[in-house]
């Protein structure tokens, strides 16, 4: 039996075929957030960049690039300046002297240079960033520029300090110091001298010349017999240290009773007054150091030429650490005696030593002799029933005994416990 579907029932069923014809156009619903799958968050809308912020970003980028280039220059300049400093300091000896003589300044200068390098390198780091509601914000370029300026200032200070310290420890070079003694030997006399100088530039030389002289002037009018010659440059620290040794024959005693040792900051041999030994030119007394030594047995300065009337020299050492040293020589009142002295004594460890004539500046309250002059000089006294008044001996003395007694030699210093060095004295007595 055929069953016909009811038209009412067909209307209840949805149509699975699209309608034919163009009377009812198909309209597509626009996509919306409601169409997203369940449980998924909708993506945030993308903000378009603000065209007005582009010039500011370009300016910041240009500033960063300029700072990067400048920091590269600073980082390259620092090693070049340090290398130049090392070359100059090594050539002149100032670098070694700076670290030795002024180590605190040397370490500080080097520390400033390294700090400058570290700050310049720090400015090379990429700027830190942070996010905000307006986007990415760069660290201000002004902070990096400030670090770079501080780095440059520190570099200039460190380099200038290093150069100034080198110049200070190098000095300008002074006339050397000459010390020495002459000692009697069986065949004559033995000259033992020492020349020392500091602050000598690497291009300078110290010329040492020792000679016998017919008088106590040692100048261009004196007759001379050369004994020793040398030309010496400084070590890396600017020091010159020369040991002078020469033998003087006994046969020259009467004709050449004096010995001289001259040391010159320069290239030529000079007399004791600074005049050139050979050639012509101006004298240079301020650049010449001179040591005068009277040979034992020779005529005393200012005394009559009567060496035969004097006894054989008695040579003894007078320590700087002993107030009085006996000579074991007995004098009679009115008897002539002659003393020649050499050597060096220091009255405090930190002060430069002085010769038999003592210090050239005044030292009140520390001298055995009345007054404040000739501190740490060689002095004498005649010790009889009572000790006579002390008197200055110095480098040369030709005197008459004020009383009878034994001759003592001592140091013009009330406190000798911190002294150093010694004098070598040659004593002769006139025959009675």
Protein backbone atom coordinates (compact mmCIF):
# COMPACT_ATOMS: atom_id res chain seq x y z
CA UNK A 1 0.00 0.00 0.00
CA UNK A 2 1.44 3.26 -1.04
CA UNK A 3 1.71 5.88 1.68
CA UNK A 4 1.96 9.49 0.53
CA UNK A 5 3.97 11.81 2.70
CA UNK A 6 2.07 14.60 4.24
CA UNK A 7 2.93 18.05 3.10
CA UNK A 8 2.72 19.24 6.65
CA UNK A 9 5.41 16.83 7.70
CA UNK A 10 7.70 17.86 4.89
CA UNK A 11 7.55 21.46 5.98
CA UNK A 12 8.82 20.46 9.39
CA UNK A 13 12.04 18.98 7.99
CA UNK A 14 14.89 21.33 7.16
CA UNK A 15 15.98 21.49 3.59
CA UNK A 16 19.41 20.07 2.84
CA UNK A 17 19.74 21.61 -0.59
CA UNK A 18 20.44 25.24 -1.21
CA UNK A 19 17.62 27.12 -2.74
CA UNK A 20 17.69 27.51 -6.45
CA UNK A 21 17.58 30.79 -8.13
CA UNK A 22 18.80 34.25 -7.17
CA UNK A 23 15.75 35.49 -5.34
CA UNK A 24 17.27 34.86 -1.91
CA UNK A 25 21.05 35.72 -1.84
CA UNK A 26 23.34 34.03 0.61
CA UNK A 27 24.82 36.37 3.19
CA UNK A 28 27.95 35.32 5.18
CA UNK A 29 28.18 36.46 8.75
CA UNK A 30 31.36 38.39 9.51
CA UNK A 31 33.83 36.62 11.71
CA UNK A 32 33.62 37.58 15.30
CA UNK A 33 35.30 36.69 18.51
CA UNK A 34 32.31 34.51 19.31
CA UNK A 35 33.43 32.22 16.55
CA UNK A 36 36.62 31.24 18.36
CA UNK A 37 36.77 27.72 19.67
CA UNK A 38 35.60 27.29 23.16
CA UNK A 39 38.27 27.72 25.88
CA UNK A 40 40.73 29.80 23.75
CA UNK A 41 41.42 33.50 24.49
CA UNK A 42 41.00 35.91 21.64
CA UNK A 43 44.29 37.44 20.38
CA UNK A 44 44.93 41.04 21.40
CA UNK A 45 44.47 43.52 18.62
CA UNK A 46 47.78 44.61 17.03
CA UNK A 47 48.55 48.27 17.56
CA UNK A 48 49.87 50.18 14.63
CA UNK A 49 53.18 52.04 15.27
CA UNK A 50 52.88 55.69 15.93
CA UNK A 51 54.49 57.48 12.98
CA UNK A 52 55.29 60.49 15.21
CA UNK A 53 57.68 58.39 17.42
CA UNK A 54 59.90 57.34 14.50
CA UNK A 55 62.14 60.49 14.49
CA UNK A 56 62.81 60.13 18.25
CA UNK A 57 63.80 56.49 17.78
CA UNK A 58 66.10 57.49 14.93
CA UNK A 59 67.74 60.13 17.09
CA UNK A 60 68.30 57.63 19.90
CA UNK A 61 69.77 55.13 17.47
CA UNK A 62 72.12 57.79 16.06
CA UNK A 63 73.23 58.75 19.57
CA UNK A 64 73.97 55.13 20.41
CA UNK A 65 75.98 54.68 17.24
CA UNK A 66 77.97 57.87 17.87
CA UNK A 67 78.73 56.79 21.43
CA UNK A 68 79.83 53.39 20.19
CA UNK A 69 82.23 54.97 17.73
CA UNK A 70 83.59 57.38 20.34
CA UNK A 71 84.09 54.61 22.90
CA UNK A 72 86.01 52.62 20.27
CA UNK A 73 88.32 55.59 19.77
CA UNK A 74 88.90 55.96 23.53
CA UNK A 75 89.57 52.25 23.96
CA UNK A 76 92.09 52.39 21.09
CA UNK A 77 93.78 55.56 22.39
CA UNK A 78 94.37 54.27 25.93
CA UNK A 79 96.79 51.45 24.95
CA UNK A 80 98.60 53.82 22.57
CA UNK A 81 99.16 56.40 25.31
CA UNK A 82 100.26 53.72 27.79
CA UNK A 83 102.71 52.34 25.24
CA UNK A 84 104.14 55.84 24.64
CA UNK A 85 104.48 56.33 28.38
CA UNK A 86 106.32 53.03 28.72
CA UNK A 87 108.65 53.81 25.81
CA UNK A 88 109.59 57.23 27.18
CA UNK A 89 109.98 55.89 30.71
CA UNK A 90 112.09 52.96 29.56
CA UNK A 91 114.38 55.12 27.42
CA UNK A 92 115.05 57.63 30.20
CA UNK A 93 115.01 55.24 33.14
CA UNK A 94 112.14 57.18 34.67
CA UNK A 95 109.72 54.24 34.62
CA UNK A 96 111.92 52.03 36.81
CA UNK A 97 112.70 54.94 39.12
CA UNK A 98 109.03 55.84 39.39
CA UNK A 99 108.07 52.36 40.65
CA UNK A 100 111.07 52.24 42.96
CA UNK A 101 111.23 55.78 44.38
CA UNK A 102 107.55 56.72 44.35
CA UNK A 103 105.68 53.44 44.23
CA UNK A 104 102.46 54.90 45.67
CA UNK A 105 102.17 57.45 42.86
CA UNK A 106 103.10 54.79 40.30
CA UNK A 107 100.42 52.39 41.50
CA UNK A 108 97.83 55.17 41.68
CA UNK A 109 98.57 56.37 38.14
CA UNK A 110 98.37 52.84 36.74
CA UNK A 111 95.12 52.27 38.64
CA UNK A 112 93.56 55.39 37.13
CA UNK A 113 94.55 54.28 33.63
CA UNK A 114 92.98 50.84 34.13
CA UNK A 115 89.85 52.44 35.60
CA UNK A 116 89.55 54.66 32.54
CA UNK A 117 89.82 51.63 30.28
CA UNK A 118 87.15 49.78 32.27
CA UNK A 119 84.72 52.68 32.10
CA UNK A 120 85.25 53.09 28.36
CA UNK A 121 84.67 49.39 27.85
CA UNK A 122 81.50 49.54 29.95
CA UNK A 123 79.99 52.12 27.62
CA UNK A 124 80.33 49.57 24.80
CA UNK A 125 77.70 47.35 26.38
CA UNK A 126 74.26 47.29 24.70
CA UNK A 127 71.83 49.53 26.55
CA UNK A 128 69.39 47.75 28.80
CA UNK A 129 65.72 47.95 27.81
CA UNK A 130 62.45 47.85 29.61
CA UNK A 131 58.89 47.48 28.41
CA UNK A 132 56.12 49.85 29.14
CA UNK A 133 52.63 50.48 27.91
CA UNK A 134 54.05 52.67 25.17
CA UNK A 135 56.50 50.01 23.96
CA UNK A 136 60.28 49.55 24.31
CA UNK A 137 62.25 52.33 25.97
CA UNK A 138 66.09 52.62 25.67
CA UNK A 139 68.35 53.53 28.57
CA UNK A 140 69.10 57.26 28.19
CA UNK A 141 72.18 57.85 26.07
CA UNK A 142 73.22 60.63 28.46
CA UNK A 143 74.30 58.09 31.11
CA UNK A 144 76.64 56.39 28.66
CA UNK A 145 77.98 59.74 27.48
CA UNK A 146 78.66 60.72 31.09
CA UNK A 147 80.62 57.51 31.69
CA UNK A 148 82.67 58.17 28.57
CA UNK A 149 83.49 61.73 29.71
CA UNK A 150 84.50 60.48 33.16
CA UNK A 151 86.67 57.83 31.49
CA UNK A 152 88.48 60.48 29.42
CA UNK A 153 89.08 62.74 32.42
CA UNK A 154 90.47 59.85 34.50
CA UNK A 155 92.74 58.84 31.60
CA UNK A 156 94.19 62.36 31.30
CA UNK A 157 94.78 62.55 35.06
CA UNK A 158 96.44 59.12 35.17
CA UNK A 159 98.76 59.79 32.20
CA UNK A 160 99.68 63.27 33.47
CA UNK A 161 100.39 61.91 36.95
CA UNK A 162 102.64 59.18 35.56
CA UNK A 163 104.65 61.63 33.44
CA UNK A 164 104.96 64.12 36.29
CA UNK A 165 106.15 61.40 38.66
CA UNK A 166 108.77 60.25 36.16
CA UNK A 167 110.06 63.79 35.75
CA UNK A 168 110.15 64.26 39.52
CA UNK A 169 112.19 61.13 40.25
CA UNK A 170 114.52 61.67 37.30
CA UNK A 171 115.51 65.21 38.26
CA UNK A 172 117.75 67.33 36.11
CA UNK A 173 121.07 65.72 37.02
CA UNK A 174 123.32 67.26 39.66
CA UNK A 175 127.07 67.45 40.09
CA UNK A 176 128.28 64.15 41.55
CA UNK A 177 129.62 63.62 45.06
CA UNK A 178 133.28 62.64 45.41
CA UNK A 179 134.78 61.03 48.51
CA UNK A 180 138.05 59.25 49.09
CA UNK A 181 141.15 58.65 51.14
CA UNK A 182 144.89 58.48 50.61
CA UNK A 183 146.78 55.86 52.59
CA UNK A 184 150.55 55.56 52.97
CA UNK A 185 152.09 52.36 51.58
CA UNK A 186 155.66 51.02 51.53
CA UNK A 187 156.09 52.25 47.95
CA UNK A 188 154.20 55.53 48.18
CA UNK A 189 150.50 56.30 48.66
CA UNK A 190 147.30 54.57 47.66
CA UNK A 191 144.36 56.63 46.39
CA UNK A 192 140.94 55.11 47.04
CA UNK A 193 138.09 57.31 45.82
CA UNK A 194 134.38 56.98 45.20
CA UNK A 195 132.16 58.97 42.83
CA UNK A 196 128.38 58.78 43.13
CA UNK A 197 125.60 60.62 41.33
CA UNK A 198 121.83 60.26 41.07
CA UNK A 199 119.21 61.63 38.71
CA UNK A 200 121.54 61.37 35.71
CA UNK A 201 119.78 61.25 32.34
CA UNK A 202 120.47 58.31 30.07
CA UNK A 203 122.15 60.60 27.52
CA UNK A 204 124.55 62.13 30.07
CA UNK A 205 127.97 60.94 31.21
CA UNK A 206 130.09 61.36 34.33
CA UNK A 207 133.78 61.98 33.58
CA UNK A 208 136.17 61.17 36.44
CA UNK A 209 139.73 62.49 36.43
CA UNK A 210 142.32 62.00 39.19
CA UNK A 211 145.74 63.65 39.17
CA UNK A 212 148.70 64.69 41.28
CA UNK A 213 149.12 68.43 41.76
CA UNK A 214 152.05 70.69 42.59
CA UNK A 215 149.85 72.82 44.89
CA UNK A 216 146.59 72.77 46.76
CA UNK A 217 144.62 74.60 44.08
CA UNK A 218 144.43 71.97 41.38
CA UNK A 219 143.60 74.57 38.76
CA UNK A 220 145.01 75.51 35.36
CA UNK A 221 148.16 77.02 36.95
CA UNK A 222 149.03 73.80 38.78
CA UNK A 223 151.42 71.18 37.46
CA UNK A 224 149.63 67.85 37.08
CA UNK A 225 150.40 64.16 36.68
CA UNK A 226 147.36 62.12 35.54
CA UNK A 227 146.44 59.10 37.66
CA UNK A 228 142.98 57.94 36.57
CA UNK A 229 140.36 58.65 33.88
CA UNK A 230 136.94 57.17 33.13
CA UNK A 231 133.67 58.10 31.41
CA UNK A 232 130.59 56.37 32.79
CA UNK A 233 126.88 56.51 31.95
CA UNK A 234 124.01 55.92 34.40
CA UNK A 235 122.28 52.64 35.10
CA UNK A 236 118.52 52.25 34.38
CA UNK A 237 117.78 54.00 37.67
CA UNK A 238 119.90 57.04 36.82
CA UNK A 239 122.71 56.15 39.24
CA UNK A 240 126.43 56.46 38.60
CA UNK A 241 128.85 54.69 40.94
CA UNK A 242 132.58 54.76 40.15
CA UNK A 243 135.39 53.33 42.26
CA UNK A 244 138.67 55.20 41.77
CA UNK A 245 141.89 53.36 42.66
CA UNK A 246 145.43 54.58 41.88
CA UNK A 247 148.94 54.08 43.21
CA UNK A 248 151.07 57.19 43.73
CA UNK A 249 154.86 56.74 43.81
CA UNK A 250 156.80 57.98 46.83
CA UNK A 251 159.25 59.80 44.58
CA UNK A 252 156.55 62.34 43.65
CA UNK A 253 155.83 63.42 47.22
CA UNK A 254 157.88 66.62 47.29
CA UNK A 255 157.02 67.82 43.77
CA UNK A 256 153.35 66.75 43.89
CA UNK A 257 152.17 66.75 47.52
CA UNK A 258 148.44 66.92 46.63
CA UNK A 259 145.98 64.59 44.95
CA UNK A 260 142.77 65.68 43.25
CA UNK A 261 139.74 63.72 42.07
CA UNK A 262 137.31 65.64 39.86
CA UNK A 263 133.95 64.38 38.58
CA UNK A 264 132.11 66.24 35.83
CA UNK A 265 128.54 65.97 34.61
CA UNK A 266 129.40 66.22 30.93
CA UNK A 267 131.84 64.88 28.36
CA UNK A 268 135.18 66.58 29.17
CA UNK A 269 137.94 66.42 31.77
CA UNK A 270 138.09 69.49 33.98
CA UNK A 271 140.25 71.01 36.70
CA UNK A 272 139.11 71.51 40.24
CA UNK A 273 137.85 74.98 39.27
CA UNK A 274 135.84 73.57 36.34
CA UNK A 275 138.22 74.66 33.57
CA UNK A 276 138.80 72.29 30.66
CA UNK A 277 141.96 70.18 30.81
CA UNK A 278 142.13 70.04 27.02
CA UNK A 279 140.74 72.52 24.54
CA UNK A 280 139.05 75.84 25.12
CA UNK A 281 135.67 76.72 26.50
CA UNK A 282 133.92 78.25 29.49
CA UNK A 283 134.51 76.87 32.96
CA UNK A 284 131.72 74.83 34.55
CA UNK A 285 132.31 74.95 38.32
CA UNK A 286 128.68 74.13 39.15
CA UNK A 287 128.92 70.90 37.14
CA UNK A 288 132.25 69.83 38.63
CA UNK A 289 132.82 68.14 41.95
CA UNK A 290 136.35 68.16 43.37
CA UNK A 291 138.08 66.27 46.16
CA UNK A 292 141.41 67.57 47.49
CA UNK A 293 143.72 65.18 49.37
CA UNK A 294 147.02 66.15 50.97
CA UNK A 295 149.52 63.34 50.82
CA UNK A 296 150.85 62.24 54.22
CA UNK A 297 154.31 63.70 54.77
CA UNK A 298 153.76 66.61 52.40
CA UNK A 299 153.75 70.29 53.37
CA UNK A 300 150.71 71.51 55.27
CA UNK A 301 148.61 74.30 53.70
CA UNK A 302 149.92 77.69 54.75
CA UNK A 303 152.87 76.21 56.60
CA UNK A 304 156.51 76.66 55.85
CA UNK A 305 158.07 74.09 53.58
CA UNK A 306 159.72 72.00 56.28
CA UNK A 307 158.62 68.41 55.76
CA UNK A 308 161.84 67.07 57.19
CA UNK A 309 160.96 68.61 60.55
CA UNK A 310 157.85 66.44 60.81
CA UNK A 311 157.68 62.88 62.03
CA UNK A 312 156.53 59.89 60.03
CA UNK A 313 152.74 60.08 59.65
CA UNK A 314 150.68 58.15 62.16
CA UNK A 315 147.54 56.96 60.37
CA UNK A 316 144.48 55.96 62.36
CA UNK A 317 140.72 55.55 61.93
CA UNK A 318 138.33 57.79 63.85
CA UNK A 319 134.92 56.04 63.98
CA UNK A 320 131.86 58.23 63.77
CA UNK A 321 130.22 56.20 66.54
CA UNK A 322 132.86 57.02 69.20
CA UNK A 323 133.03 60.42 70.86
CA UNK A 324 136.83 60.42 71.36
CA UNK A 325 139.53 58.21 69.88
CA UNK A 326 143.02 58.29 71.48
CA UNK A 327 145.95 58.74 69.09
CA UNK A 328 148.61 57.60 71.58
CA UNK A 329 150.64 60.66 70.51
CA UNK A 330 151.95 62.91 73.27
CA UNK A 331 152.37 66.63 72.65
CA UNK A 332 154.45 69.16 74.53
CA UNK A 333 153.10 72.64 75.02
CA UNK A 334 154.16 74.77 72.06
CA UNK A 335 154.93 71.76 69.84
CA UNK A 336 153.72 71.92 66.24
CA UNK A 337 151.48 69.14 64.94
CA UNK A 338 149.85 68.58 61.57
CA UNK A 339 146.67 66.60 60.84
CA UNK A 340 145.25 65.62 57.43
CA UNK A 341 141.87 63.86 57.36
CA UNK A 342 139.59 62.23 54.83
CA UNK A 343 136.48 60.03 54.97
CA UNK A 344 132.78 60.54 55.58
CA UNK A 345 130.56 60.40 58.69
CA UNK A 346 126.77 60.47 58.88
CA UNK A 347 125.13 61.97 61.96
CA UNK A 348 121.71 60.36 61.31
CA UNK A 349 120.94 57.39 59.02
CA UNK A 350 118.66 59.43 56.74
CA UNK A 351 121.03 62.38 56.22
CA UNK A 352 123.83 62.52 53.65
CA UNK A 353 127.30 61.95 55.12
CA UNK A 354 129.71 64.83 55.69
CA UNK A 355 133.46 65.17 55.35
CA UNK A 356 136.00 66.13 58.04
CA UNK A 357 134.87 69.78 57.86
CA UNK A 358 131.35 68.78 58.93
CA UNK A 359 127.95 69.94 57.76
CA UNK A 360 127.71 73.20 55.85
CA UNK A 361 124.38 74.17 57.44
CA UNK A 362 123.81 75.03 61.08
CA UNK A 363 122.80 72.47 63.71
CA UNK A 364 122.15 74.23 67.02
CA UNK A 365 122.31 72.30 70.25
CA UNK A 366 124.04 69.16 68.93
CA UNK A 367 127.68 70.27 68.56
CA UNK A 368 130.51 69.66 71.02
CA UNK A 369 132.24 72.85 69.90
CA UNK A 370 130.63 76.16 70.81
CA UNK A 371 128.14 77.33 68.24
CA UNK A 372 126.09 75.50 65.64
CA UNK A 373 128.53 75.07 62.74
CA UNK A 374 130.68 72.13 61.56
CA UNK A 375 128.30 69.52 62.93
CA UNK A 376 129.88 66.00 62.89
CA UNK A 377 133.27 67.44 61.85
CA UNK A 378 136.60 66.01 63.01
CA UNK A 379 137.66 67.71 66.26
CA UNK A 380 140.54 67.31 68.69
CA UNK A 381 141.60 67.89 72.26
CA UNK A 382 144.80 67.59 74.26
CA UNK A 383 144.22 65.50 77.35
CA UNK A 384 146.70 66.28 80.15
CA UNK A 385 146.03 66.57 83.84
CA UNK A 386 142.81 68.14 82.68
CA UNK A 387 141.12 67.79 79.33
CA UNK A 388 141.76 70.84 77.20
CA UNK A 389 139.15 72.72 75.22
CA UNK A 390 138.01 70.89 72.05
CA UNK A 391 139.09 72.48 68.78
CA UNK A 392 138.20 72.04 65.12
CA UNK A 393 140.55 69.80 63.13
CA UNK A 394 138.63 69.46 59.88
CA UNK A 395 140.32 68.29 56.70
CA UNK A 396 143.65 70.01 57.38
CA UNK A 397 145.13 71.42 60.58
CA UNK A 398 148.57 72.89 61.25
CA UNK A 399 148.63 74.06 64.86
CA UNK A 400 150.65 74.41 68.03
CA UNK A 401 149.76 72.54 71.22
CA UNK A 402 148.19 74.80 73.83
CA UNK A 403 149.19 72.43 76.64
CA UNK A 404 151.04 69.22 77.18
CA UNK A 405 149.16 65.95 76.97
CA UNK A 406 147.90 63.21 74.70
CA UNK A 407 146.10 64.08 71.49
CA UNK A 408 142.57 62.75 71.09
CA UNK A 409 140.45 63.00 67.95
CA UNK A 410 136.66 62.94 68.01
CA UNK A 411 133.34 63.84 66.37
CA UNK A 412 131.61 67.19 66.77
CA UNK A 413 128.33 65.57 67.78
CA UNK A 414 126.87 65.29 71.29
CA UNK A 415 125.08 62.03 70.39
CA UNK A 416 127.07 59.51 68.35
CA UNK A 417 124.93 56.41 68.97
CA UNK A 418 123.09 56.84 65.65
CA UNK A 419 126.12 57.87 63.61
CA UNK A 420 127.88 55.95 60.87
CA UNK A 421 131.08 56.01 58.84
CA UNK A 422 134.56 57.09 59.92
CA UNK A 423 137.39 59.51 59.26
CA UNK A 424 140.95 58.52 58.38
CA UNK A 425 143.49 60.83 59.98
CA UNK A 426 147.21 61.24 59.38
CA UNK A 427 149.06 62.94 62.27
CA UNK A 428 152.58 64.28 62.22
CA UNK A 429 154.54 65.89 65.04
CA UNK A 430 157.35 68.39 64.70
CA UNK A 431 160.62 67.22 66.18
CA UNK A 432 161.68 68.86 69.45
